[in-house]
Amino acid sequence: MTNDDRDFANATIDRAARAAEDAKSVKAEREAAAKAVLDNMARLKALRLAREATEPPRAPAAKKARTKPGKPAEKAPALSDWLASQQNGGRRI
């Protein structure tokens, strides 16, 4: 094995080791960010529950009575009649 071959092999091993360290650090950063998000969610939930506990209970919203759809009082004009009235009124169609 020549010196060039040894240098190449050592450089390859160094690159692999650096890549492994980078992967570990990236994973640690990602886990830290996820933990920070979960901690913040827990803190906000605790604040919301404390605020809701101090508020008086709200009255349930009154439900609206459903009305049956009735027949329209006046039947809409036919399309041809409506178009004619629009043209007579000066509207361009």
PDB file of N, CA and C in Angstrom:
ATOM      1  N   MET A   1       0.848  -1.158   0.000  1.00  0.00           N
ATOM      2  CA  MET A   1       0.000   0.000   0.000  1.00  0.00           C
ATOM      3  C   MET A   1       0.906   1.237   0.000  1.00  0.00           C
ATOM      4  N   THR A   2       0.606   2.180  -0.837  1.00  0.00           N
ATOM      5  CA  THR A   2       1.436   3.379  -0.932  1.00  0.00           C
ATOM      6  C   THR A   2       0.964   4.420   0.069  1.00  0.00           C
ATOM      7  N   ASN A   3       1.748   5.462   0.192  1.00  0.00           N
ATOM      8  CA  ASN A   3       1.379   6.549   1.109  1.00  0.00           C
ATOM      9  C   ASN A   3       0.094   7.236   0.666  1.00  0.00           C
ATOM     10  N   ASP A   4      -0.079   7.362  -0.640  1.00  0.00           N
ATOM     11  CA  ASP A   4      -1.313   7.982  -1.151  1.00  0.00           C
ATOM     12  C   ASP A   4      -2.535   7.154  -0.767  1.00  0.00           C
ATOM     13  N   ASP A   5      -2.394   5.839  -0.864  1.00  0.00           N
ATOM     14  CA  ASP A   5      -3.510   4.962  -0.497  1.00  0.00           C
ATOM     15  C   ASP A   5      -3.826   5.081   0.993  1.00  0.00           C
ATOM     16  N   ARG A   6      -2.781   5.146   1.823  1.00  0.00           N
ATOM     17  CA  ARG A   6      -3.004   5.282   3.266  1.00  0.00           C
ATOM     18  C   ARG A   6      -3.661   6.625   3.594  1.00  0.00           C
ATOM     19  N   ASP A   7      -3.182   7.683   2.954  1.00  0.00           N
ATOM     20  CA  ASP A   7      -3.774   9.012   3.185  1.00  0.00           C
ATOM     21  C   ASP A   7      -5.249   9.029   2.780  1.00  0.00           C
ATOM     22  N   PHE A   8      -5.550   8.392   1.654  1.00  0.00           N
ATOM     23  CA  PHE A   8      -6.939   8.335   1.189  1.00  0.00           C
ATOM     24  C   PHE A   8      -7.806   7.548   2.174  1.00  0.00           C
ATOM     25  N   ALA A   9      -7.293   6.437   2.668  1.00  0.00           N
ATOM     26  CA  ALA A   9      -8.049   5.607   3.611  1.00  0.00           C
ATOM     27  C   ALA A   9      -8.268   6.365   4.918  1.00  0.00           C
ATOM     28  N   ASN A  10      -7.223   7.040   5.402  1.00  0.00           N
ATOM     29  CA  ASN A  10      -7.369   7.813   6.639  1.00  0.00           C
ATOM     30  C   ASN A  10      -8.357   8.962   6.457  1.00  0.00           C
ATOM     31  N   ALA A  11      -8.333   9.626   5.318  1.00  0.00           N
ATOM     32  CA  ALA A  11      -9.254  10.732   5.048  1.00  0.00           C
ATOM     33  C   ALA A  11     -10.686  10.218   4.992  1.00  0.00           C
ATOM     34  N   THR A  12     -10.868   9.061   4.420  1.00  0.00           N
ATOM     35  CA  THR A  12     -12.204   8.469   4.327  1.00  0.00           C
ATOM     36  C   THR A  12     -12.730   8.127   5.718  1.00  0.00           C
ATOM     37  N   ILE A  13     -11.859   7.581   6.556  1.00  0.00           N
ATOM     38  CA  ILE A  13     -12.261   7.232   7.926  1.00  0.00           C
ATOM     39  C   ILE A  13     -12.582   8.498   8.711  1.00  0.00           C
ATOM     40  N   ASP A  14     -11.780   9.549   8.530  1.00  0.00           N
ATOM     41  CA  ASP A  14     -12.027  10.811   9.223  1.00  0.00           C
ATOM     42  C   ASP A  14     -13.362  11.418   8.797  1.00  0.00           C
ATOM     43  N   ARG A  15     -13.631  11.366   7.490  1.00  0.00           N
ATOM     44  CA  ARG A  15     -14.913  11.902   6.994  1.00  0.00           C
ATOM     45  C   ARG A  15     -16.088  11.119   7.566  1.00  0.00           C
ATOM     46  N   ALA A  16     -15.957   9.819   7.640  1.00  0.00           N
ATOM     47  CA  ALA A  16     -17.034   8.986   8.178  1.00  0.00           C
ATOM     48  C   ALA A  16     -17.252   9.289   9.656  1.00  0.00           C
ATOM     49  N   ALA A  17     -16.157   9.465  10.390  1.00  0.00           N
ATOM     50  CA  ALA A  17     -16.283   9.776  11.816  1.00  0.00           C
ATOM     51  C   ALA A  17     -16.931  11.141  12.024  1.00  0.00           C
ATOM     52  N   ARG A  18     -16.519  12.126  11.204  1.00  0.00           N
ATOM     53  CA  ARG A  18     -17.126  13.459  11.299  1.00  0.00           C
ATOM     54  C   ARG A  18     -18.612  13.423  10.945  1.00  0.00           C
ATOM     55  N   ALA A  19     -18.964  12.643   9.945  1.00  0.00           N
ATOM     56  CA  ALA A  19     -20.370  12.523   9.544  1.00  0.00           C
ATOM     57  C   ALA A  19     -21.194  11.895  10.663  1.00  0.00           C
ATOM     58  N   ALA A  20     -20.620  10.900  11.340  1.00  0.00           N
ATOM     59  CA  ALA A  20     -21.332  10.259  12.445  1.00  0.00           C
ATOM     60  C   ALA A  20     -21.531  11.242  13.598  1.00  0.00           C
ATOM     61  N   GLU A  21     -20.516  12.038  13.900  1.00  0.00           N
ATOM     62  CA  GLU A  21     -20.651  13.044  14.959  1.00  0.00           C
ATOM     63  C   GLU A  21     -21.680  14.097  14.587  1.00  0.00           C
ATOM     64  N   ASP A  22     -21.669  14.522  13.330  1.00  0.00           N
ATOM     65  CA  ASP A  22     -22.655  15.510  12.876  1.00  0.00           C
ATOM     66  C   ASP A  22     -24.068  14.955  13.001  1.00  0.00           C
ATOM     67  N   ALA A  23     -24.234  13.692  12.635  1.00  0.00           N
ATOM     68  CA  ALA A  23     -25.557  13.072  12.724  1.00  0.00           C
ATOM     69  C   ALA A  23     -26.021  13.022  14.175  1.00  0.00           C
ATOM     70  N   LYS A  24     -25.107  12.708  15.100  1.00  0.00           N
ATOM     71  CA  LYS A  24     -25.477  12.666  16.513  1.00  0.00           C
ATOM     72  C   LYS A  24     -25.860  14.046  17.018  1.00  0.00           C
ATOM     73  N   SER A  25     -25.109  15.065  16.599  1.00  0.00           N
ATOM     74  CA  SER A  25     -25.418  16.414  17.082  1.00  0.00           C
ATOM     75  C   SER A  25     -26.734  16.919  16.500  1.00  0.00           C
ATOM     76  N   VAL A  26     -26.990  16.592  15.238  1.00  0.00           N
ATOM     77  CA  VAL A  26     -28.255  17.000  14.620  1.00  0.00           C
ATOM     78  C   VAL A  26     -29.422  16.309  15.316  1.00  0.00           C
ATOM     79  N   LYS A  27     -29.254  15.036  15.632  1.00  0.00           N
ATOM     80  CA  LYS A  27     -30.317  14.298  16.327  1.00  0.00           C
ATOM     81  C   LYS A  27     -30.566  14.900  17.709  1.00  0.00           C
ATOM     82  N   ALA A  28     -29.485  15.266  18.397  1.00  0.00           N
ATOM     83  CA  ALA A  28     -29.633  15.863  19.726  1.00  0.00           C
ATOM     84  C   ALA A  28     -30.345  17.216  19.635  1.00  0.00           C
ATOM     85  N   GLU A  29     -30.015  18.004  18.621  1.00  0.00           N
ATOM     86  CA  GLU A  29     -30.680  19.295  18.439  1.00  0.00           C
ATOM     87  C   GLU A  29     -32.163  19.110  18.149  1.00  0.00           C
ATOM     88  N   ARG A  30     -32.471  18.130  17.309  1.00  0.00           N
ATOM     89  CA  ARG A  30     -33.869  17.874  16.957  1.00  0.00           C
ATOM     90  C   ARG A  30     -34.652  17.417  18.184  1.00  0.00           C
ATOM     91  N   GLU A  31     -34.046  16.555  19.000  1.00  0.00           N
ATOM     92  CA  GLU A  31     -34.717  16.094  20.214  1.00  0.00           C
ATOM     93  C   GLU A  31     -34.903  17.230  21.209  1.00  0.00           C
ATOM     94  N   ALA A  32     -33.924  18.128  21.300  1.00  0.00           N
ATOM     95  CA  ALA A  32     -34.044  19.272  22.205  1.00  0.00           C
ATOM     96  C   ALA A  32     -35.164  20.193  21.749  1.00  0.00           C
ATOM     97  N   ALA A  33     -35.271  20.409  20.437  1.00  0.00           N
ATOM     98  CA  ALA A  33     -36.341  21.264  19.916  1.00  0.00           C
ATOM     99  C   ALA A  33     -37.708  20.631  20.171  1.00  0.00           C
ATOM    100  N   ALA A  34     -37.812  19.330  19.979  1.00  0.00           N
ATOM    101  CA  ALA A  34     -39.084  18.641  20.223  1.00  0.00           C
ATOM    102  C   ALA A  34     -39.459  18.704  21.698  1.00  0.00           C
ATOM    103  N   LYS A  35     -38.473  18.548  22.579  1.00  0.00           N
ATOM    104  CA  LYS A  35     -38.743  18.628  24.011  1.00  0.00           C
ATOM    105  C   LYS A  35     -39.186  20.035  24.396  1.00  0.00           C
ATOM    106  N   ALA A  36     -38.588  21.050  23.785  1.00  0.00           N
ATOM    107  CA  ALA A  36     -38.979  22.429  24.076  1.00  0.00           C
ATOM    108  C   ALA A  36     -40.421  22.678  23.652  1.00  0.00           C
ATOM    109  N   VAL A  37     -40.816  22.146  22.503  1.00  0.00           N
ATOM    110  CA  VAL A  37     -42.195  22.312  22.033  1.00  0.00           C
ATOM    111  C   VAL A  37     -43.166  21.612  22.986  1.00  0.00           C
ATOM    112  N   LEU A  38     -42.844  20.399  23.399  1.00  0.00           N
ATOM    113  CA  LEU A  38     -43.720  19.669  24.316  1.00  0.00           C
ATOM    114  C   LEU A  38     -43.818  20.361  25.675  1.00  0.00           C
ATOM    115  N   ASP A  39     -42.702  20.884  26.162  1.00  0.00           N
ATOM    116  CA  ASP A  39     -42.720  21.609  27.437  1.00  0.00           C
ATOM    117  C   ASP A  39     -43.592  22.861  27.336  1.00  0.00           C
ATOM    118  N   ASN A  40     -43.478  23.565  26.208  1.00  0.00           N
ATOM    119  CA  ASN A  40     -44.287  24.772  26.017  1.00  0.00           C
ATOM    120  C   ASN A  40     -45.771  24.415  25.939  1.00  0.00           C
ATOM    121  N   MET A  41     -46.102  23.326  25.248  1.00  0.00           N
ATOM    122  CA  MET A  41     -47.499  22.900  25.161  1.00  0.00           C
ATOM    123  C   MET A  41     -48.047  22.565  26.541  1.00  0.00           C
ATOM    124  N   ALA A  42     -47.256  21.885  27.356  1.00  0.00           N
ATOM    125  CA  ALA A  42     -47.694  21.519  28.713  1.00  0.00           C
ATOM    126  C   ALA A  42     -47.893  22.778  29.560  1.00  0.00           C
ATOM    127  N   ARG A  43     -46.979  23.739  29.428  1.00  0.00           N
ATOM    128  CA  ARG A  43     -47.099  24.991  30.189  1.00  0.00           C
ATOM    129  C   ARG A  43     -48.361  25.750  29.788  1.00  0.00           C
ATOM    130  N   LEU A  44     -48.610  25.854  28.472  1.00  0.00           N
ATOM    131  CA  LEU A  44     -49.802  26.562  28.006  1.00  0.00           C
ATOM    132  C   LEU A  44     -51.085  25.853  28.435  1.00  0.00           C
ATOM    133  N   LYS A  45     -51.072  24.518  28.434  1.00  0.00           N
ATOM    134  CA  LYS A  45     -52.254  23.774  28.868  1.00  0.00           C
ATOM    135  C   LYS A  45     -52.526  24.020  30.343  1.00  0.00           C
ATOM    136  N   ALA A  46     -51.466  24.046  31.158  1.00  0.00           N
ATOM    137  CA  ALA A  46     -51.636  24.305  32.585  1.00  0.00           C
ATOM    138  C   ALA A  46     -52.193  25.708  32.807  1.00  0.00           C
ATOM    139  N   LEU A  47     -51.704  26.691  32.047  1.00  0.00           N
ATOM    140  CA  LEU A  47     -52.227  28.052  32.173  1.00  0.00           C
ATOM    141  C   LEU A  47     -53.698  28.126  31.763  1.00  0.00           C
ATOM    142  N   ARG A  48     -54.046  27.425  30.670  1.00  0.00           N
ATOM    143  CA  ARG A  48     -55.438  27.437  30.206  1.00  0.00           C
ATOM    144  C   ARG A  48     -56.352  26.797  31.236  1.00  0.00           C
ATOM    145  N   LEU A  49     -55.934  25.664  31.789  1.00  0.00           N
ATOM    146  CA  LEU A  49     -56.766  24.988  32.787  1.00  0.00           C
ATOM    147  C   LEU A  49     -56.917  25.835  34.051  1.00  0.00           C
ATOM    148  N   ALA A  50     -55.866  26.527  34.447  1.00  0.00           N
ATOM    149  CA  ALA A  50     -55.950  27.398  35.628  1.00  0.00           C
ATOM    150  C   ALA A  50     -56.895  28.566  35.360  1.00  0.00           C
ATOM    151  N   ARG A  51     -56.820  29.133  34.163  1.00  0.00           N
ATOM    152  CA  ARG A  51     -57.705  30.245  33.814  1.00  0.00           C
ATOM    153  C   ARG A  51     -59.160  29.780  33.773  1.00  0.00           C
ATOM    154  N   GLU A  52     -59.396  28.599  33.181  1.00  0.00           N
ATOM    155  CA  GLU A  52     -60.763  28.089  33.105  1.00  0.00           C
ATOM    156  C   GLU A  52     -61.307  27.740  34.488  1.00  0.00           C
ATOM    157  N   ALA A  53     -60.451  27.343  35.390  1.00  0.00           N
ATOM    158  CA  ALA A  53     -60.907  26.988  36.741  1.00  0.00           C
ATOM    159  C   ALA A  53     -61.354  28.223  37.508  1.00  0.00           C
ATOM    160  N   THR A  54     -60.760  29.381  37.222  1.00  0.00           N
ATOM    161  CA  THR A  54     -61.125  30.595  37.946  1.00  0.00           C
ATOM    162  C   THR A  54     -62.343  31.286  37.344  1.00  0.00           C
ATOM    163  N   GLU A  55     -62.674  30.997  36.091  1.00  0.00           N
ATOM    164  CA  GLU A  55     -63.832  31.628  35.452  1.00  0.00           C
ATOM    165  C   GLU A  55     -65.116  30.959  35.939  1.00  0.00           C
ATOM    166  N   PRO A  56     -66.196  31.738  36.020  1.00  0.00           N
ATOM    167  CA  PRO A  56     -67.475  31.098  36.350  1.00  0.00           C
ATOM    168  C   PRO A  56     -67.925  30.229  35.172  1.00  0.00           C
ATOM    169  N   PRO A  57     -68.676  29.181  35.454  1.00  0.00           N
ATOM    170  CA  PRO A  57     -69.108  28.311  34.360  1.00  0.00           C
ATOM    171  C   PRO A  57     -70.016  29.076  33.400  1.00  0.00           C
ATOM    172  N   ARG A  58     -69.838  28.810  32.162  1.00  0.00           N
ATOM    173  CA  ARG A  58     -70.640  29.470  31.126  1.00  0.00           C
ATOM    174  C   ARG A  58     -71.954  28.732  30.937  1.00  0.00           C
ATOM    175  N   ALA A  59     -72.978  29.516  30.631  1.00  0.00           N
ATOM    176  CA  ALA A  59     -74.272  28.908  30.346  1.00  0.00           C
ATOM    177  C   ALA A  59     -74.200  28.269  28.963  1.00  0.00           C
ATOM    178  N   PRO A  60     -74.818  27.114  28.809  1.00  0.00           N
ATOM    179  CA  PRO A  60     -74.785  26.485  27.484  1.00  0.00           C
ATOM    180  C   PRO A  60     -75.519  27.365  26.476  1.00  0.00           C
ATOM    181  N   ALA A  61     -75.040  27.378  25.280  1.00  0.00           N
ATOM    182  CA  ALA A  61     -75.645  28.183  24.228  1.00  0.00           C
ATOM    183  C   ALA A  61     -77.032  27.637  23.907  1.00  0.00           C
ATOM    184  N   ALA A  62     -77.975  28.545  23.748  1.00  0.00           N
ATOM    185  CA  ALA A  62     -79.341  28.135  23.428  1.00  0.00           C
ATOM    186  C   ALA A  62     -79.383  27.669  21.978  1.00  0.00           C
ATOM    187  N   LYS A  63     -80.023  26.539  21.785  1.00  0.00           N
ATOM    188  CA  LYS A  63     -80.140  26.014  20.425  1.00  0.00           C
ATOM    189  C   LYS A  63     -81.299  26.697  19.725  1.00  0.00           C
ATOM    190  N   LYS A  64     -81.080  26.987  18.479  1.00  0.00           N
ATOM    191  CA  LYS A  64     -82.145  27.603  17.685  1.00  0.00           C
ATOM    192  C   LYS A  64     -83.105  26.512  17.226  1.00  0.00           C
ATOM    193  N   ALA A  65     -84.378  26.848  17.272  1.00  0.00           N
ATOM    194  CA  ALA A  65     -85.383  25.904  16.812  1.00  0.00           C
ATOM    195  C   ALA A  65     -85.328  25.844  15.291  1.00  0.00           C
ATOM    196  N   ARG A  66     -85.363  24.647  14.788  1.00  0.00           N
ATOM    197  CA  ARG A  66     -85.324  24.485  13.332  1.00  0.00           C
ATOM    198  C   ARG A  66     -86.692  24.802  12.754  1.00  0.00           C
ATOM    199  N   THR A  67     -86.677  25.543  11.707  1.00  0.00           N
ATOM    200  CA  THR A  67     -87.938  25.852  11.030  1.00  0.00           C
ATOM    201  C   THR A  67     -88.015  25.003   9.781  1.00  0.00           C
ATOM    202  N   LYS A  68     -89.210  24.612   9.481  1.00  0.00           N
ATOM    203  CA  LYS A  68     -89.408  23.827   8.271  1.00  0.00           C
ATOM    204  C   LYS A  68     -89.364  24.761   7.073  1.00  0.00           C
ATOM    205  N   PRO A  69     -88.725  24.322   6.035  1.00  0.00           N
ATOM    206  CA  PRO A  69     -88.686  25.182   4.858  1.00  0.00           C
ATOM    207  C   PRO A  69     -90.098  25.337   4.288  1.00  0.00           C
ATOM    208  N   GLY A  70     -90.512  26.553   4.173  1.00  0.00           N
ATOM    209  CA  GLY A  70     -91.854  26.811   3.667  1.00  0.00           C
ATOM    210  C   GLY A  70     -91.829  27.063   2.174  1.00  0.00           C
ATOM    211  N   LYS A  71     -93.010  27.165   1.625  1.00  0.00           N
ATOM    212  CA  LYS A  71     -93.101  27.466   0.199  1.00  0.00           C
ATOM    213  C   LYS A  71     -92.844  28.952   0.002  1.00  0.00           C
ATOM    214  N   PRO A  72     -92.130  29.306  -1.034  1.00  0.00           N
ATOM    215  CA  PRO A  72     -91.887  30.722  -1.267  1.00  0.00           C
ATOM    216  C   PRO A  72     -93.216  31.448  -1.532  1.00  0.00           C
ATOM    217  N   ALA A  73     -93.310  32.652  -1.012  1.00  0.00           N
ATOM    218  CA  ALA A  73     -94.546  33.418  -1.146  1.00  0.00           C
ATOM    219  C   ALA A  73     -94.825  33.762  -2.607  1.00  0.00           C
ATOM    220  N   GLU A  74     -93.782  34.038  -3.341  1.00  0.00           N
ATOM    221  CA  GLU A  74     -93.984  34.413  -4.739  1.00  0.00           C
ATOM    222  C   GLU A  74     -93.032  33.599  -5.590  1.00  0.00           C
ATOM    223  N   LYS A  75     -93.537  33.080  -6.667  1.00  0.00           N
ATOM    224  CA  LYS A  75     -92.706  32.277  -7.539  1.00  0.00           C
ATOM    225  C   LYS A  75     -91.818  33.206  -8.362  1.00  0.00           C
ATOM    226  N   ALA A  76     -90.567  32.813  -8.519  1.00  0.00           N
ATOM    227  CA  ALA A  76     -89.616  33.622  -9.286  1.00  0.00           C
ATOM    228  C   ALA A  76     -90.043  33.639 -10.753  1.00  0.00           C
ATOM    229  N   PRO A  77     -89.789  34.763 -11.444  1.00  0.00           N
ATOM    230  CA  PRO A  77     -90.177  34.826 -12.860  1.00  0.00           C
ATOM    231  C   PRO A  77     -89.333  33.863 -13.694  1.00  0.00           C
ATOM    232  N   ALA A  78     -89.865  33.515 -14.834  1.00  0.00           N
ATOM    233  CA  ALA A  78     -89.143  32.624 -15.726  1.00  0.00           C
ATOM    234  C   ALA A  78     -87.875  33.322 -16.198  1.00  0.00           C
ATOM    235  N   LEU A  79     -86.886  32.541 -16.561  1.00  0.00           N
ATOM    236  CA  LEU A  79     -85.608  33.096 -16.985  1.00  0.00           C
ATOM    237  C   LEU A  79     -85.781  33.994 -18.195  1.00  0.00           C
ATOM    238  N   SER A  80     -86.588  33.589 -19.138  1.00  0.00           N
ATOM    239  CA  SER A  80     -86.787  34.401 -20.344  1.00  0.00           C
ATOM    240  C   SER A  80     -87.420  35.741 -19.987  1.00  0.00           C
ATOM    241  N   ASP A  81     -88.350  35.762 -19.026  1.00  0.00           N
ATOM    242  CA  ASP A  81     -88.958  37.027 -18.611  1.00  0.00           C
ATOM    243  C   ASP A  81     -87.930  37.913 -17.908  1.00  0.00           C
ATOM    244  N   TRP A  82     -87.098  37.316 -17.071  1.00  0.00           N
ATOM    245  CA  TRP A  82     -86.080  38.082 -16.362  1.00  0.00           C
ATOM    246  C   TRP A  82     -85.071  38.673 -17.344  1.00  0.00           C
ATOM    247  N   LEU A  83     -84.638  37.871 -18.333  1.00  0.00           N
ATOM    248  CA  LEU A  83     -83.693  38.372 -19.334  1.00  0.00           C
ATOM    249  C   LEU A  83     -84.305  39.513 -20.140  1.00  0.00           C
ATOM    250  N   ALA A  84     -85.567  39.390 -20.473  1.00  0.00           N
ATOM    251  CA  ALA A  84     -86.229  40.442 -21.237  1.00  0.00           C
ATOM    252  C   ALA A  84     -86.295  41.727 -20.412  1.00  0.00           C
ATOM    253  N   SER A  85     -86.586  41.619 -19.140  1.00  0.00           N
ATOM    254  CA  SER A  85     -86.657  42.815 -18.306  1.00  0.00           C
ATOM    255  C   SER A  85     -85.276  43.449 -18.147  1.00  0.00           C
ATOM    256  N   GLN A  86     -84.239  42.649 -18.097  1.00  0.00           N
ATOM    257  CA  GLN A  86     -82.886  43.184 -17.996  1.00  0.00           C
ATOM    258  C   GLN A  86     -82.500  43.926 -19.276  1.00  0.00           C
ATOM    259  N   GLN A  87     -82.857  43.368 -20.421  1.00  0.00           N
ATOM    260  CA  GLN A  87     -82.536  44.032 -21.686  1.00  0.00           C
ATOM    261  C   GLN A  87     -83.343  45.317 -21.842  1.00  0.00           C
ATOM    262  N   ASN A  88     -84.589  45.300 -21.417  1.00  0.00           N
ATOM    263  CA  ASN A  88     -85.427  46.513 -21.510  1.00  0.00           C
ATOM    264  C   ASN A  88     -84.909  47.586 -20.565  1.00  0.00           C
ATOM    265  N   GLY A  89     -84.279  47.180 -19.516  1.00  0.00           N
ATOM    266  CA  GLY A  89     -83.732  48.135 -18.544  1.00  0.00           C
ATOM    267  C   GLY A  89     -82.391  48.702 -18.983  1.00  0.00           C
ATOM    268  N   GLY A  90     -81.871  48.290 -20.120  1.00  0.00           N
ATOM    269  CA  GLY A  90     -80.624  48.822 -20.631  1.00  0.00           C
ATOM    270  C   GLY A  90     -79.404  48.010 -20.263  1.00  0.00           C
ATOM    271  N   ARG A  91     -79.594  46.893 -19.665  1.00  0.00           N
ATOM    272  CA  ARG A  91     -78.450  46.064 -19.292  1.00  0.00           C
ATOM    273  C   ARG A  91     -77.993  45.220 -20.469  1.00  0.00           C
ATOM    274  N   ARG A  92     -76.688  45.137 -20.664  1.00  0.00           N
ATOM    275  CA  ARG A  92     -76.155  44.330 -21.757  1.00  0.00           C
ATOM    276  C   ARG A  92     -75.904  42.924 -21.237  1.00  0.00           C
ATOM    277  N   ILE A  93     -76.372  41.955 -21.981  1.00  0.00           N
ATOM    278  CA  ILE A  93     -76.182  40.570 -21.553  1.00  0.00           C
ATOM    279  C   ILE A  93     -75.353  39.840 -22.581  1.00  0.00           C
TER     280      ILE A  93
END
